[in-house]
C-alpha atoms as a PDB file:
ATOM      1  CA  UNK A   1      42.403  28.034  33.543  1.00  0.00           C
ATOM      2  CA  UNK A   2      39.776  25.555  34.574  1.00  0.00           C
ATOM      3  CA  UNK A   3      36.342  25.541  32.983  1.00  0.00           C
ATOM      4  CA  UNK A   4      33.305  26.180  35.207  1.00  0.00           C
ATOM      5  CA  UNK A   5      32.237  22.707  34.806  1.00  0.00           C
ATOM      6  CA  UNK A   6      35.657  21.390  35.901  1.00  0.00           C
ATOM      7  CA  UNK A   7      35.564  23.594  39.020  1.00  0.00           C
ATOM      8  CA  UNK A   8      32.151  22.316  40.028  1.00  0.00           C
ATOM      9  CA  UNK A   9      32.949  18.710  39.186  1.00  0.00           C
ATOM     10  CA  UNK A  10      36.110  19.202  41.539  1.00  0.00           C
ATOM     11  CA  UNK A  11      34.035  20.807  44.371  1.00  0.00           C
ATOM     12  CA  UNK A  12      31.777  17.726  44.127  1.00  0.00           C
ATOM     13  CA  UNK A  13      34.615  15.154  44.091  1.00  0.00           C
ATOM     14  CA  UNK A  14      36.499  16.837  46.805  1.00  0.00           C
ATOM     15  CA  UNK A  15      33.305  16.749  49.066  1.00  0.00           C
ATOM     16  CA  UNK A  16      32.786  13.201  48.545  1.00  0.00           C
ATOM     17  CA  UNK A  17      29.351  13.396  46.995  1.00  0.00           C
ATOM     18  CA  UNK A  18      27.883  11.109  44.532  1.00  0.00           C
ATOM     19  CA  UNK A  19      25.578  11.848  41.680  1.00  0.00           C
ATOM     20  CA  UNK A  20      22.743  13.091  41.570  1.00  0.00           C
ATOM     21  CA  UNK A  21      23.891  16.075  43.667  1.00  0.00           C
ATOM     22  CA  UNK A  22      21.797  18.923  44.728  1.00  0.00           C
ATOM     23  CA  UNK A  23      22.406  22.381  43.331  1.00  0.00           C
ATOM     24  CA  UNK A  24      21.564  23.815  46.843  1.00  0.00           C
ATOM     25  CA  UNK A  25      24.226  21.439  48.500  1.00  0.00           C
ATOM     26  CA  UNK A  26      26.963  22.790  46.220  1.00  0.00           C
ATOM     27  CA  UNK A  27      25.792  26.408  46.942  1.00  0.00           C
ATOM     28  CA  UNK A  28      25.892  25.899  50.551  1.00  0.00           C
ATOM     29  CA  UNK A  29      29.134  24.188  50.546  1.00  0.00           C
ATOM     30  CA  UNK A  30      31.169  26.876  48.528  1.00  0.00           C
ATOM     31  CA  UNK A  31      28.917  29.956  47.693  1.00  0.00           C
ATOM     32  CA  UNK A  32      31.585  32.431  47.350  1.00  0.00           C
ATOM     33  CA  UNK A  33      33.780  30.378  45.047  1.00  0.00           C
ATOM     34  CA  UNK A  34      35.119  32.409  42.084  1.00  0.00           C
ATOM     35  CA  UNK A  35      34.033  30.603  38.809  1.00  0.00           C
ATOM     36  CA  UNK A  36      35.648  31.535  35.434  1.00  0.00           C
ATOM     37  CA  UNK A  37      33.027  31.732  32.776  1.00  0.00           C
ATOM     38  CA  UNK A  38      35.293  32.707  29.767  1.00  0.00           C
ATOM     39  CA  UNK A  39      38.742  33.082  28.447  1.00  0.00           C
ATOM     40  CA  UNK A  40      38.680  36.929  28.701  1.00  0.00           C
ATOM     41  CA  UNK A  41      38.812  36.601  32.539  1.00  0.00           C
ATOM     42  CA  UNK A  42      34.999  37.119  33.431  1.00  0.00           C
ATOM     43  CA  UNK A  43      34.015  35.346  36.368  1.00  0.00           C
ATOM     44  CA  UNK A  44      31.056  34.968  38.921  1.00  0.00           C
ATOM     45  CA  UNK A  45      30.495  33.500  42.134  1.00  0.00           C
ATOM     46  CA  UNK A  46      29.465  29.939  42.473  1.00  0.00           C
ATOM     47  CA  UNK A  47      25.951  30.654  43.944  1.00  0.00           C
ATOM     48  CA  UNK A  48      25.191  33.347  41.296  1.00  0.00           C
ATOM     49  CA  UNK A  49      26.082  30.777  38.563  1.00  0.00           C
ATOM     50  CA  UNK A  50      24.102  27.902  40.016  1.00  0.00           C
ATOM     51  CA  UNK A  51      21.131  30.120  40.558  1.00  0.00           C
ATOM     52  CA  UNK A  52      21.087  31.158  36.815  1.00  0.00           C
ATOM     53  CA  UNK A  53      21.334  27.450  35.906  1.00  0.00           C
ATOM     54  CA  UNK A  54      17.557  27.164  37.053  1.00  0.00           C
ATOM     55  CA  UNK A  55      17.961  23.293  37.992  1.00  0.00           C
ATOM     56  CA  UNK A  56      17.677  21.414  41.103  1.00  0.00           C
ATOM     57  CA  UNK A  57      20.200  18.638  40.654  1.00  0.00           C
ATOM     58  CA  UNK A  58      23.222  17.696  38.597  1.00  0.00           C
ATOM     59  CA  UNK A  59      22.651  13.920  37.412  1.00  0.00           C
ATOM     60  CA  UNK A  60      26.176  13.322  36.440  1.00  0.00           C
ATOM     61  CA  UNK A  61      29.661  15.073  35.572  1.00  0.00           C
ATOM     62  CA  UNK A  62      28.420  15.127  31.974  1.00  0.00           C
ATOM     63  CA  UNK A  63      25.158  16.857  33.074  1.00  0.00           C
ATOM     64  CA  UNK A  64      27.317  19.488  34.919  1.00  0.00           C
ATOM     65  CA  UNK A  65      29.451  20.063  31.742  1.00  0.00           C
ATOM     66  CA  UNK A  66      26.382  20.351  29.574  1.00  0.00           C
ATOM     67  CA  UNK A  67      24.546  22.722  31.761  1.00  0.00           C
ATOM     68  CA  UNK A  68      27.449  24.849  32.685  1.00  0.00           C
ATOM     69  CA  UNK A  69      29.109  25.076  29.382  1.00  0.00           C
ATOM     70  CA  UNK A  70      25.953  26.420  27.873  1.00  0.00           C
ATOM     71  CA  UNK A  71      25.451  28.826  30.704  1.00  0.00           C
ATOM     72  CA  UNK A  72      28.785  30.274  30.592  1.00  0.00           C
ATOM     73  CA  UNK A  73      28.612  30.924  26.954  1.00  0.00           C
ATOM     74  CA  UNK A  74      25.380  32.952  27.367  1.00  0.00           C
ATOM     75  CA  UNK A  75      26.914  34.808  30.357  1.00  0.00           C
ATOM     76  CA  UNK A  76      30.023  35.507  28.426  1.00  0.00           C
ATOM     77  CA  UNK A  77      27.822  36.920  25.472  1.00  0.00           C
ATOM     78  CA  UNK A  78      26.036  39.290  27.761  1.00  0.00           C
ATOM     79  CA  UNK A  79      29.221  40.564  29.211  1.00  0.00           C
ATOM     80  CA  UNK A  80      30.796  41.375  25.751  1.00  0.00           C
ATOM     81  CA  UNK A  81      30.679  45.098  24.991  1.00  0.00           C
ATOM     82  CA  UNK A  82      31.948  46.623  21.738  1.00  0.00           C
ATOM     83  CA  UNK A  83      33.472  49.966  21.334  1.00  0.00           C
ATOM     84  CA  UNK A  84      30.090  51.787  21.272  1.00  0.00           C
ATOM     85  CA  UNK A  85      29.117  50.069  24.464  1.00  0.00           C
ATOM     86  CA  UNK A  86      32.271  51.049  26.061  1.00  0.00           C
ATOM     87  CA  UNK A  87      31.664  54.694  25.007  1.00  0.00           C
ATOM     88  CA  UNK A  88      28.108  54.585  26.345  1.00  0.00           C
ATOM     89  CA  UNK A  89      29.455  53.094  29.634  1.00  0.00           C
ATOM     90  CA  UNK A  90      31.904  55.941  29.945  1.00  0.00           C
ATOM     91  CA  UNK A  91      29.602  58.736  29.340  1.00  0.00           C
ATOM     92  CA  UNK A  92      26.318  57.537  30.946  1.00  0.00           C
ATOM     93  CA  UNK A  93      27.554  55.284  33.820  1.00  0.00           C
ATOM     94  CA  UNK A  94      26.728  57.975  36.454  1.00  0.00           C
ATOM     95  CA  UNK A  95      22.961  58.094  35.405  1.00  0.00           C
END
């Protein structure tokens, strides 16, 4: 499985862009691309991920990796639900 940063760097390379690259340009190029955020199979659309990054440009491939690695870690932690959370979802999901 490719990391989010590897996928974004690949998109930038395939498009033939040089750094710095505008986040908006990447979003407009492949907004619906499905990006893996962790090993558990959680993913999100590229446009949603980049929107949460709250930056305007990536300065380098290393900057892409730095920003998206941290962001994916945070997103993954938010999506982890323990046994009690799953029970709450099962019983209170319709509320």
